[in-house]
Amino acid sequence: MEKINTNISRYLDYPIWELGNSTLTAGSVLYFIIGIVLVFWLASRLRKILVNHVLIRYTPEIGVRQAIGSIVRYIFIFLGLLIIFQTAGIDLSALTVLAGALGIGIGFGLQHITNNFVSGIIILLERPIKVGDRIAIDNTHGRVIKISARATTIQTNDNVSIIVPNSEFMQSRVINWSHHDLKIRFRIPVSVAYGSDIDLVQRLLVEVGLEDPNVLKDPSPAIRLKEFGDNGIHMELLVWTNTLMHRRGKFISDLNLGIIKKFEKHGVQIPFPQRDVYIKTTPDISSTNQNT
């Protein structure tokens, strides 16, 4: 047994690399591997505990909890790796030259990754977007389901996940439908034919809004007359919702179907493009010449 222990110690103490005043041994490499795996595992567990058990007592917003949990995870990983280096007996000052060389490499070859990482930290700290928000960036519309160090995952209504680099949120205009409040107002355009009873039309549109279960009663639905068009009177139905901001298409479709049924029931006509064509007849020149 003592011989086995001696052999194990000899293998673990086998020198692999000289680093300044320190010697990297096989045992150090094994220690690094186990330590790094353990640090990342503990950081992940710590983040889950914070998000799902600790922070939920103080704030119900999942986005706030995810942001705090991610920042704590990064700090834990940084301190954990620092402790591993120091406890392994490695002189960190010997890594100065290596760090400088890596810094040049990062500056040129990994600048996009570094940019995305820094942008991810800014997003977590400033929280222009957070997990659960409904956003639109360029032609991408969906709900934020994850913010990581490099990219943000957006899930569309078609259940498609789109990975967007974090740097794009710093360089592009982002529309956040639920930044401060889940309550959103939608504008539903409606046109009616000239000669329609405007008071009846307004009453029917308000009824459509009040009868929809996803429309808020306070603020109540409102009607706006936008303009007098070529083929009809253009109006807007203004409604508020806090339940279907993630399903904008369904919400507008339900209201449009309700408007059509109401108008058909009460004889309100939805206009369509019309053109009046006048045909001007001219006398036949040949017959006129024969008569003369």
C-alpha atoms as a PDB file:
ATOM      1  CA  MET A   1       0.000   0.000   0.000  1.00  0.00           C
ATOM      2  CA  GLU A   2       2.860   2.340   0.881  1.00  0.00           C
ATOM      3  CA  LYS A   3       4.476   1.548  -2.471  1.00  0.00           C
ATOM      4  CA  ILE A   4       1.289   2.419  -4.326  1.00  0.00           C
ATOM      5  CA  ASN A   5       1.065   5.733  -2.496  1.00  0.00           C
ATOM      6  CA  THR A   6       4.687   6.436  -3.353  1.00  0.00           C
ATOM      7  CA  ASN A   7       4.091   5.744  -7.033  1.00  0.00           C
ATOM      8  CA  ILE A   8       0.996   7.967  -7.072  1.00  0.00           C
ATOM      9  CA  SER A   9       2.921  10.772  -5.405  1.00  0.00           C
ATOM     10  CA  ARG A  10       5.730  10.408  -7.918  1.00  0.00           C
ATOM     11  CA  TYR A  11       3.309  10.657 -10.843  1.00  0.00           C
ATOM     12  CA  LEU A  12       1.510  13.640  -9.350  1.00  0.00           C
ATOM     13  CA  ASP A  13       4.794  15.445  -8.688  1.00  0.00           C
ATOM     14  CA  TYR A  14       6.068  14.845 -12.208  1.00  0.00           C
ATOM     15  CA  PRO A  15       7.086  18.263 -13.615  1.00  0.00           C
ATOM     16  CA  ILE A  16       5.369  19.340 -16.836  1.00  0.00           C
ATOM     17  CA  TRP A  17       6.151  23.001 -17.297  1.00  0.00           C
ATOM     18  CA  GLU A  18       8.355  25.619 -15.687  1.00  0.00           C
ATOM     19  CA  LEU A  19       6.503  28.911 -15.148  1.00  0.00           C
ATOM     20  CA  GLY A  20       8.730  31.559 -13.591  1.00  0.00           C
ATOM     21  CA  ASN A  21       9.586  30.430 -10.086  1.00  0.00           C
ATOM     22  CA  SER A  22       6.808  27.853 -10.152  1.00  0.00           C
ATOM     23  CA  THR A  23       6.680  24.357 -11.574  1.00  0.00           C
ATOM     24  CA  LEU A  24       3.507  22.990 -13.117  1.00  0.00           C
ATOM     25  CA  THR A  25       3.153  19.308 -12.190  1.00  0.00           C
ATOM     26  CA  ALA A  26       0.734  16.573 -13.156  1.00  0.00           C
ATOM     27  CA  GLY A  27      -0.961  17.012  -9.791  1.00  0.00           C
ATOM     28  CA  SER A  28      -1.371  20.727 -10.494  1.00  0.00           C
ATOM     29  CA  VAL A  29      -3.006  19.974 -13.839  1.00  0.00           C
ATOM     30  CA  LEU A  30      -5.388  17.522 -12.196  1.00  0.00           C
ATOM     31  CA  TYR A  31      -6.084  20.071  -9.470  1.00  0.00           C
ATOM     32  CA  PHE A  32      -6.826  22.717 -12.113  1.00  0.00           C
ATOM     33  CA  ILE A  33      -9.229  20.488 -14.010  1.00  0.00           C
ATOM     34  CA  ILE A  34     -11.159  19.396 -10.926  1.00  0.00           C
ATOM     35  CA  GLY A  35     -11.117  22.920  -9.493  1.00  0.00           C
ATOM     36  CA  ILE A  36     -12.373  24.589 -12.664  1.00  0.00           C
ATOM     37  CA  VAL A  37     -15.160  22.047 -13.158  1.00  0.00           C
ATOM     38  CA  LEU A  38     -16.167  22.455  -9.510  1.00  0.00           C
ATOM     39  CA  VAL A  39     -16.124  26.269  -9.726  1.00  0.00           C
ATOM     40  CA  PHE A  40     -18.366  26.348 -12.818  1.00  0.00           C
ATOM     41  CA  TRP A  41     -20.736  23.768 -11.308  1.00  0.00           C
ATOM     42  CA  LEU A  42     -21.003  25.669  -8.017  1.00  0.00           C
ATOM     43  CA  ALA A  43     -21.494  28.948  -9.901  1.00  0.00           C
ATOM     44  CA  SER A  44     -24.377  27.436 -11.871  1.00  0.00           C
ATOM     45  CA  ARG A  45     -25.954  26.008  -8.700  1.00  0.00           C
ATOM     46  CA  LEU A  46     -25.539  29.334  -6.896  1.00  0.00           C
ATOM     47  CA  ARG A  47     -27.238  31.190  -9.737  1.00  0.00           C
ATOM     48  CA  LYS A  48     -30.217  28.804  -9.746  1.00  0.00           C
ATOM     49  CA  ILE A  49     -30.618  29.065  -5.970  1.00  0.00           C
ATOM     50  CA  LEU A  50     -30.513  32.862  -6.118  1.00  0.00           C
ATOM     51  CA  VAL A  51     -32.980  33.129  -9.002  1.00  0.00           C
ATOM     52  CA  ASN A  52     -35.491  30.489  -7.918  1.00  0.00           C
ATOM     53  CA  HIS A  53     -35.370  30.587  -4.116  1.00  0.00           C
ATOM     54  CA  VAL A  54     -33.662  33.667  -2.652  1.00  0.00           C
ATOM     55  CA  LEU A  55     -34.417  36.634  -4.924  1.00  0.00           C
ATOM     56  CA  ILE A  56     -38.005  35.553  -5.555  1.00  0.00           C
ATOM     57  CA  ARG A  57     -38.759  36.704  -2.004  1.00  0.00           C
ATOM     58  CA  TYR A  58     -37.799  40.256  -2.918  1.00  0.00           C
ATOM     59  CA  THR A  59     -38.902  40.689  -6.540  1.00  0.00           C
ATOM     60  CA  PRO A  60     -41.306  38.703  -8.731  1.00  0.00           C
ATOM     61  CA  GLU A  61     -39.693  39.901 -11.987  1.00  0.00           C
ATOM     62  CA  ILE A  62     -37.792  37.030 -13.580  1.00  0.00           C
ATOM     63  CA  GLY A  63     -35.676  39.453 -15.624  1.00  0.00           C
ATOM     64  CA  VAL A  64     -34.302  41.198 -12.525  1.00  0.00           C
ATOM     65  CA  ARG A  65     -33.545  37.874 -10.832  1.00  0.00           C
ATOM     66  CA  GLN A  66     -31.821  36.506 -13.938  1.00  0.00           C
ATOM     67  CA  ALA A  67     -29.652  39.630 -14.254  1.00  0.00           C
ATOM     68  CA  ILE A  68     -28.539  39.560 -10.601  1.00  0.00           C
ATOM     69  CA  GLY A  69     -27.953  35.815 -10.742  1.00  0.00           C
ATOM     70  CA  SER A  70     -25.777  36.098 -13.862  1.00  0.00           C
ATOM     71  CA  ILE A  71     -23.648  38.902 -12.383  1.00  0.00           C
ATOM     72  CA  VAL A  72     -23.117  36.925  -9.159  1.00  0.00           C
ATOM     73  CA  ARG A  73     -22.158  33.877 -11.248  1.00  0.00           C
ATOM     74  CA  TYR A  74     -19.484  35.807 -13.160  1.00  0.00           C
ATOM     75  CA  ILE A  75     -18.021  37.229  -9.927  1.00  0.00           C
ATOM     76  CA  PHE A  76     -17.997  33.773  -8.316  1.00  0.00           C
ATOM     77  CA  ILE A  77     -16.195  32.249 -11.325  1.00  0.00           C
ATOM     78  CA  PHE A  78     -13.587  35.037 -11.359  1.00  0.00           C
ATOM     79  CA  LEU A  79     -12.841  34.736  -7.636  1.00  0.00           C
ATOM     80  CA  GLY A  80     -12.874  30.929  -7.821  1.00  0.00           C
ATOM     81  CA  LEU A  81     -10.321  30.830 -10.633  1.00  0.00           C
ATOM     82  CA  LEU A  82      -8.158  33.330  -8.779  1.00  0.00           C
ATOM     83  CA  ILE A  83      -8.204  31.159  -5.649  1.00  0.00           C
ATOM     84  CA  ILE A  84      -7.352  28.045  -7.678  1.00  0.00           C
ATOM     85  CA  PHE A  85      -4.273  29.713  -9.169  1.00  0.00           C
ATOM     86  CA  GLN A  86      -3.061  30.944  -5.795  1.00  0.00           C
ATOM     87  CA  THR A  87      -3.659  27.698  -3.890  1.00  0.00           C
ATOM     88  CA  ALA A  88      -1.857  25.750  -6.616  1.00  0.00           C
ATOM     89  CA  GLY A  89       1.308  27.634  -5.726  1.00  0.00           C
ATOM     90  CA  ILE A  90       1.670  29.360  -9.092  1.00  0.00           C
ATOM     91  CA  ASP A  91       3.365  32.743  -9.141  1.00  0.00           C
ATOM     92  CA  LEU A  92       0.820  34.969 -10.897  1.00  0.00           C
ATOM     93  CA  SER A  93       3.456  37.555 -11.670  1.00  0.00           C
ATOM     94  CA  ALA A  94       4.991  35.045 -14.066  1.00  0.00           C
ATOM     95  CA  LEU A  95       1.840  35.237 -16.142  1.00  0.00           C
ATOM     96  CA  THR A  96       2.336  38.928 -16.901  1.00  0.00           C
ATOM     97  CA  VAL A  97       4.108  38.377 -20.206  1.00  0.00           C
ATOM     98  CA  LEU A  98       1.686  35.638 -21.174  1.00  0.00           C
ATOM     99  CA  ALA A  99      -1.274  37.857 -20.281  1.00  0.00           C
ATOM    100  CA  GLY A 100       0.164  40.642 -22.442  1.00  0.00           C
ATOM    101  CA  ALA A 101       0.499  38.309 -25.412  1.00  0.00           C
ATOM    102  CA  LEU A 102      -3.013  37.000 -24.879  1.00  0.00           C
ATOM    103  CA  GLY A 103      -4.265  40.574 -24.622  1.00  0.00           C
ATOM    104  CA  ILE A 104      -2.891  41.336 -28.083  1.00  0.00           C
ATOM    105  CA  GLY A 105      -4.487  38.172 -29.421  1.00  0.00           C
ATOM    106  CA  ILE A 106      -7.818  39.040 -27.846  1.00  0.00           C
ATOM    107  CA  GLY A 107      -7.615  42.555 -29.217  1.00  0.00           C
ATOM    108  CA  PHE A 108      -7.274  41.327 -32.795  1.00  0.00           C
ATOM    109  CA  GLY A 109      -8.671  37.820 -33.052  1.00  0.00           C
ATOM    110  CA  LEU A 110     -11.332  37.819 -30.340  1.00  0.00           C
ATOM    111  CA  GLN A 111     -12.519  41.411 -30.503  1.00  0.00           C
ATOM    112  CA  HIS A 112     -16.068  40.414 -31.495  1.00  0.00           C
ATOM    113  CA  ILE A 113     -16.343  37.928 -28.628  1.00  0.00           C
ATOM    114  CA  THR A 114     -14.964  40.512 -26.203  1.00  0.00           C
ATOM    115  CA  ASN A 115     -17.378  43.113 -27.550  1.00  0.00           C
ATOM    116  CA  ASN A 116     -20.326  40.756 -27.092  1.00  0.00           C
ATOM    117  CA  PHE A 117     -19.195  39.850 -23.566  1.00  0.00           C
ATOM    118  CA  VAL A 118     -18.874  43.507 -22.495  1.00  0.00           C
ATOM    119  CA  SER A 119     -22.232  44.273 -24.132  1.00  0.00           C
ATOM    120  CA  GLY A 120     -23.779  41.372 -22.183  1.00  0.00           C
ATOM    121  CA  ILE A 121     -22.473  42.816 -18.909  1.00  0.00           C
ATOM    122  CA  ILE A 122     -23.926  46.237 -19.810  1.00  0.00           C
ATOM    123  CA  ILE A 123     -27.290  44.641 -20.630  1.00  0.00           C
ATOM    124  CA  LEU A 124     -27.343  42.833 -17.273  1.00  0.00           C
ATOM    125  CA  LEU A 125     -26.411  46.010 -15.369  1.00  0.00           C
ATOM    126  CA  GLU A 126     -28.537  48.615 -17.182  1.00  0.00           C
ATOM    127  CA  ARG A 127     -31.341  46.178 -18.087  1.00  0.00           C
ATOM    128  CA  PRO A 128     -32.597  47.818 -21.309  1.00  0.00           C
ATOM    129  CA  ILE A 129     -33.980  44.341 -21.961  1.00  0.00           C
ATOM    130  CA  LYS A 130     -34.536  41.456 -19.560  1.00  0.00           C
ATOM    131  CA  VAL A 131     -35.813  37.908 -19.623  1.00  0.00           C
ATOM    132  CA  GLY A 132     -39.540  37.879 -20.368  1.00  0.00           C
ATOM    133  CA  ASP A 133     -39.599  41.144 -22.339  1.00  0.00           C
ATOM    134  CA  ARG A 134     -41.297  41.372 -25.709  1.00  0.00           C
ATOM    135  CA  ILE A 135     -38.854  43.109 -28.059  1.00  0.00           C
ATOM    136  CA  ALA A 136     -38.259  43.914 -31.709  1.00  0.00           C
ATOM    137  CA  ILE A 137     -34.785  44.443 -33.175  1.00  0.00           C
ATOM    138  CA  ASP A 138     -34.412  44.917 -36.928  1.00  0.00           C
ATOM    139  CA  ASN A 139     -36.819  42.316 -38.391  1.00  0.00           C
ATOM    140  CA  THR A 140     -36.758  40.038 -35.333  1.00  0.00           C
ATOM    141  CA  HIS A 141     -39.791  40.020 -33.039  1.00  0.00           C
ATOM    142  CA  GLY A 142     -40.180  37.799 -29.995  1.00  0.00           C
ATOM    143  CA  ARG A 143     -39.775  37.203 -26.276  1.00  0.00           C
ATOM    144  CA  VAL A 144     -36.404  37.233 -24.524  1.00  0.00           C
ATOM    145  CA  ILE A 145     -35.871  33.819 -22.904  1.00  0.00           C
ATOM    146  CA  LYS A 146     -32.147  33.944 -22.100  1.00  0.00           C
ATOM    147  CA  ILE A 147     -29.340  36.494 -21.764  1.00  0.00           C
ATOM    148  CA  SER A 148     -25.900  34.878 -21.723  1.00  0.00           C
ATOM    149  CA  ALA A 149     -22.371  36.287 -21.811  1.00  0.00           C
ATOM    150  CA  ARG A 150     -22.130  36.221 -25.615  1.00  0.00           C
ATOM    151  CA  ALA A 151     -25.648  36.357 -27.022  1.00  0.00           C
ATOM    152  CA  THR A 152     -29.329  36.775 -26.219  1.00  0.00           C
ATOM    153  CA  THR A 153     -31.930  34.184 -27.195  1.00  0.00           C
ATOM    154  CA  ILE A 154     -35.248  35.435 -28.573  1.00  0.00           C
ATOM    155  CA  GLN A 155     -38.201  33.092 -29.077  1.00  0.00           C
ATOM    156  CA  THR A 156     -40.699  34.052 -31.775  1.00  0.00           C
ATOM    157  CA  ASN A 157     -44.410  33.231 -31.839  1.00  0.00           C
ATOM    158  CA  ASP A 158     -43.570  30.411 -34.273  1.00  0.00           C
ATOM    159  CA  ASN A 159     -41.530  28.775 -31.460  1.00  0.00           C
ATOM    160  CA  VAL A 160     -38.292  29.556 -33.297  1.00  0.00           C
ATOM    161  CA  SER A 161     -35.275  30.558 -31.211  1.00  0.00           C
ATOM    162  CA  ILE A 162     -33.126  33.322 -32.688  1.00  0.00           C
ATOM    163  CA  ILE A 163     -29.645  33.922 -31.248  1.00  0.00           C
ATOM    164  CA  VAL A 164     -28.713  37.616 -31.385  1.00  0.00           C
ATOM    165  CA  PRO A 165     -25.159  38.771 -30.450  1.00  0.00           C
ATOM    166  CA  ASN A 166     -25.253  41.124 -27.474  1.00  0.00           C
ATOM    167  CA  SER A 167     -23.336  43.832 -29.337  1.00  0.00           C
ATOM    168  CA  GLU A 168     -26.294  44.344 -31.697  1.00  0.00           C
ATOM    169  CA  PHE A 169     -28.391  45.606 -28.794  1.00  0.00           C
ATOM    170  CA  MET A 170     -25.792  48.332 -28.225  1.00  0.00           C
ATOM    171  CA  GLN A 171     -25.623  49.338 -31.893  1.00  0.00           C
ATOM    172  CA  SER A 172     -29.225  48.988 -33.094  1.00  0.00           C
ATOM    173  CA  ARG A 173     -32.540  50.522 -32.142  1.00  0.00           C
ATOM    174  CA  VAL A 174     -34.469  48.109 -29.921  1.00  0.00           C
ATOM    175  CA  ILE A 175     -38.224  48.296 -29.334  1.00  0.00           C
ATOM    176  CA  ASN A 176     -39.169  46.935 -25.908  1.00  0.00           C
ATOM    177  CA  TRP A 177     -42.905  46.384 -25.627  1.00  0.00           C
ATOM    178  CA  SER A 178     -42.792  45.599 -21.897  1.00  0.00           C
ATOM    179  CA  HIS A 179     -39.894  47.662 -20.544  1.00  0.00           C
ATOM    180  CA  HIS A 180     -41.643  49.455 -17.676  1.00  0.00           C
ATOM    181  CA  ASP A 181     -45.189  48.095 -17.808  1.00  0.00           C
ATOM    182  CA  LEU A 182     -46.958  45.062 -19.259  1.00  0.00           C
ATOM    183  CA  LYS A 183     -49.871  47.280 -20.324  1.00  0.00           C
ATOM    184  CA  ILE A 184     -49.776  48.101 -24.063  1.00  0.00           C
ATOM    185  CA  ARG A 185     -52.113  50.044 -26.323  1.00  0.00           C
ATOM    186  CA  PHE A 186     -52.993  48.739 -29.780  1.00  0.00           C
ATOM    187  CA  ARG A 187     -54.428  50.747 -32.667  1.00  0.00           C
ATOM    188  CA  ILE A 188     -56.934  48.917 -34.869  1.00  0.00           C
ATOM    189  CA  PRO A 189     -57.628  50.773 -38.162  1.00  0.00           C
ATOM    190  CA  VAL A 190     -61.256  50.699 -39.315  1.00  0.00           C
ATOM    191  CA  SER A 191     -62.902  52.233 -42.390  1.00  0.00           C
ATOM    192  CA  VAL A 192     -66.641  52.792 -42.963  1.00  0.00           C
ATOM    193  CA  ALA A 193     -68.511  54.003 -46.008  1.00  0.00           C
ATOM    194  CA  TYR A 194     -69.661  57.592 -46.366  1.00  0.00           C
ATOM    195  CA  GLY A 195     -73.228  57.955 -45.186  1.00  0.00           C
ATOM    196  CA  SER A 196     -72.778  55.566 -42.253  1.00  0.00           C
ATOM    197  CA  ASP A 197     -74.222  56.476 -38.854  1.00  0.00           C
ATOM    198  CA  ILE A 198     -71.024  57.621 -37.095  1.00  0.00           C
ATOM    199  CA  ASP A 199     -72.585  57.479 -33.626  1.00  0.00           C
ATOM    200  CA  LEU A 200     -73.639  53.874 -34.262  1.00  0.00           C
ATOM    201  CA  VAL A 201     -70.185  53.006 -35.599  1.00  0.00           C
ATOM    202  CA  GLN A 202     -68.470  54.408 -32.494  1.00  0.00           C
ATOM    203  CA  ARG A 203     -70.848  52.544 -30.197  1.00  0.00           C
ATOM    204  CA  LEU A 204     -70.292  49.249 -32.028  1.00  0.00           C
ATOM    205  CA  LEU A 205     -66.500  49.620 -31.950  1.00  0.00           C
ATOM    206  CA  VAL A 206     -66.532  50.290 -28.205  1.00  0.00           C
ATOM    207  CA  GLU A 207     -68.750  47.239 -27.704  1.00  0.00           C
ATOM    208  CA  VAL A 208     -66.273  45.081 -29.632  1.00  0.00           C
ATOM    209  CA  GLY A 209     -63.479  46.250 -27.327  1.00  0.00           C
ATOM    210  CA  LEU A 210     -65.456  45.735 -24.125  1.00  0.00           C
ATOM    211  CA  GLU A 211     -66.619  42.263 -25.163  1.00  0.00           C
ATOM    212  CA  ASP A 212     -63.081  40.998 -25.797  1.00  0.00           C
ATOM    213  CA  PRO A 213     -61.765  39.318 -22.599  1.00  0.00           C
ATOM    214  CA  ASN A 214     -58.188  40.414 -23.323  1.00  0.00           C
ATOM    215  CA  VAL A 215     -59.039  44.127 -23.534  1.00  0.00           C
ATOM    216  CA  LEU A 216     -58.647  46.150 -20.343  1.00  0.00           C
ATOM    217  CA  LYS A 217     -61.724  47.984 -19.126  1.00  0.00           C
ATOM    218  CA  ASP A 218     -59.538  50.667 -17.559  1.00  0.00           C
ATOM    219  CA  PRO A 219     -58.383  52.514 -19.592  1.00  0.00           C
ATOM    220  CA  SER A 220     -61.527  51.917 -21.596  1.00  0.00           C
ATOM    221  CA  PRO A 221     -61.549  51.510 -25.408  1.00  0.00           C
ATOM    222  CA  ALA A 222     -61.536  54.783 -27.349  1.00  0.00           C
ATOM    223  CA  ILE A 223     -62.342  55.836 -30.907  1.00  0.00           C
ATOM    224  CA  ARG A 224     -60.442  58.287 -33.090  1.00  0.00           C
ATOM    225  CA  LEU A 225     -61.504  59.649 -36.484  1.00  0.00           C
ATOM    226  CA  LYS A 226     -58.265  59.841 -38.451  1.00  0.00           C
ATOM    227  CA  GLU A 227     -59.216  61.257 -41.838  1.00  0.00           C
ATOM    228  CA  PHE A 228     -61.714  61.415 -44.663  1.00  0.00           C
ATOM    229  CA  GLY A 229     -60.357  59.087 -47.311  1.00  0.00           C
ATOM    230  CA  ASP A 230     -61.125  58.734 -51.003  1.00  0.00           C
ATOM    231  CA  ASN A 231     -63.391  55.730 -50.475  1.00  0.00           C
ATOM    232  CA  GLY A 232     -64.530  56.044 -46.863  1.00  0.00           C
ATOM    233  CA  ILE A 233     -64.063  57.449 -43.376  1.00  0.00           C
ATOM    234  CA  HIS A 234     -60.918  56.136 -41.665  1.00  0.00           C
ATOM    235  CA  MET A 235     -61.134  55.569 -37.906  1.00  0.00           C
ATOM    236  CA  GLU A 236     -59.122  53.848 -35.154  1.00  0.00           C
ATOM    237  CA  LEU A 237     -60.150  51.619 -32.278  1.00  0.00           C
ATOM    238  CA  LEU A 238     -57.711  52.152 -29.383  1.00  0.00           C
ATOM    239  CA  VAL A 239     -57.580  49.330 -26.830  1.00  0.00           C
ATOM    240  CA  TRP A 240     -55.255  48.347 -23.969  1.00  0.00           C
ATOM    241  CA  THR A 241     -54.136  44.846 -22.995  1.00  0.00           C
ATOM    242  CA  ASN A 242     -51.688  43.254 -20.565  1.00  0.00           C
ATOM    243  CA  THR A 243     -52.243  39.615 -21.526  1.00  0.00           C
ATOM    244  CA  LEU A 244     -51.630  39.256 -25.267  1.00  0.00           C
ATOM    245  CA  MET A 245     -48.654  41.544 -25.854  1.00  0.00           C
ATOM    246  CA  HIS A 246     -46.731  38.389 -26.838  1.00  0.00           C
ATOM    247  CA  ARG A 247     -49.428  37.359 -29.329  1.00  0.00           C
ATOM    248  CA  ARG A 248     -50.057  40.587 -31.188  1.00  0.00           C
ATOM    249  CA  GLY A 249     -51.358  38.883 -34.337  1.00  0.00           C
ATOM    250  CA  LYS A 250     -54.039  36.870 -32.507  1.00  0.00           C
ATOM    251  CA  PHE A 251     -55.162  39.888 -30.505  1.00  0.00           C
ATOM    252  CA  ILE A 252     -55.656  42.065 -33.603  1.00  0.00           C
ATOM    253  CA  SER A 253     -57.300  39.191 -35.499  1.00  0.00           C
ATOM    254  CA  ASP A 254     -59.867  38.616 -32.717  1.00  0.00           C
ATOM    255  CA  LEU A 255     -60.797  42.293 -32.692  1.00  0.00           C
ATOM    256  CA  ASN A 256     -61.082  42.471 -36.487  1.00  0.00           C
ATOM    257  CA  LEU A 257     -63.373  39.428 -36.515  1.00  0.00           C
ATOM    258  CA  GLY A 258     -65.527  41.039 -33.827  1.00  0.00           C
ATOM    259  CA  ILE A 259     -65.749  44.269 -35.857  1.00  0.00           C
ATOM    260  CA  ILE A 260     -66.838  42.419 -39.019  1.00  0.00           C
ATOM    261  CA  LYS A 261     -69.583  40.529 -37.163  1.00  0.00           C
ATOM    262  CA  LYS A 262     -70.854  43.701 -35.472  1.00  0.00           C
ATOM    263  CA  PHE A 263     -70.935  45.655 -38.727  1.00  0.00           C
ATOM    264  CA  GLU A 264     -72.719  42.854 -40.598  1.00  0.00           C
ATOM    265  CA  LYS A 265     -75.310  42.541 -37.841  1.00  0.00           C
ATOM    266  CA  HIS A 266     -76.127  46.273 -37.864  1.00  0.00           C
ATOM    267  CA  GLY A 267     -75.763  46.887 -41.599  1.00  0.00           C
ATOM    268  CA  VAL A 268     -72.629  49.035 -41.439  1.00  0.00           C
ATOM    269  CA  GLN A 269     -70.792  48.921 -44.759  1.00  0.00           C
ATOM    270  CA  ILE A 270     -67.021  48.567 -45.026  1.00  0.00           C
ATOM    271  CA  PRO A 271     -65.959  50.545 -48.128  1.00  0.00           C
ATOM    272  CA  PHE A 272     -63.994  49.231 -51.061  1.00  0.00           C
ATOM    273  CA  PRO A 273     -62.199  51.155 -53.824  1.00  0.00           C
ATOM    274  CA  GLN A 274     -64.639  52.707 -56.298  1.00  0.00           C
ATOM    275  CA  ARG A 275     -64.120  54.584 -59.522  1.00  0.00           C
ATOM    276  CA  ASP A 276     -66.703  56.425 -61.624  1.00  0.00           C
ATOM    277  CA  VAL A 277     -66.067  55.993 -65.333  1.00  0.00           C
ATOM    278  CA  TYR A 278     -67.688  58.414 -67.798  1.00  0.00           C
ATOM    279  CA  ILE A 279     -67.848  57.383 -71.492  1.00  0.00           C
ATOM    280  CA  LYS A 280     -68.119  60.246 -73.927  1.00  0.00           C
ATOM    281  CA  THR A 281     -69.512  59.398 -77.356  1.00  0.00           C
ATOM    282  CA  THR A 282     -68.439  61.285 -80.497  1.00  0.00           C
ATOM    283  CA  PRO A 283     -70.317  61.402 -83.820  1.00  0.00           C
ATOM    284  CA  ASP A 284     -69.126  59.120 -86.636  1.00  0.00           C
ATOM    285  CA  ILE A 285     -67.040  61.332 -88.967  1.00  0.00           C
ATOM    286  CA  SER A 286     -67.405  59.067 -92.033  1.00  0.00           C
ATOM    287  CA  SER A 287     -71.209  59.044 -91.870  1.00  0.00           C
ATOM    288  CA  THR A 288     -71.216  62.792 -91.466  1.00  0.00           C
ATOM    289  CA  ASN A 289     -69.113  63.223 -94.621  1.00  0.00           C
ATOM    290  CA  GLN A 290     -71.444  60.951 -96.661  1.00  0.00           C
ATOM    291  CA  ASN A 291     -74.480  62.941 -95.635  1.00  0.00           C
ATOM    292  CA  THR A 292     -72.824  66.104 -96.808  1.00  0.00           C
END
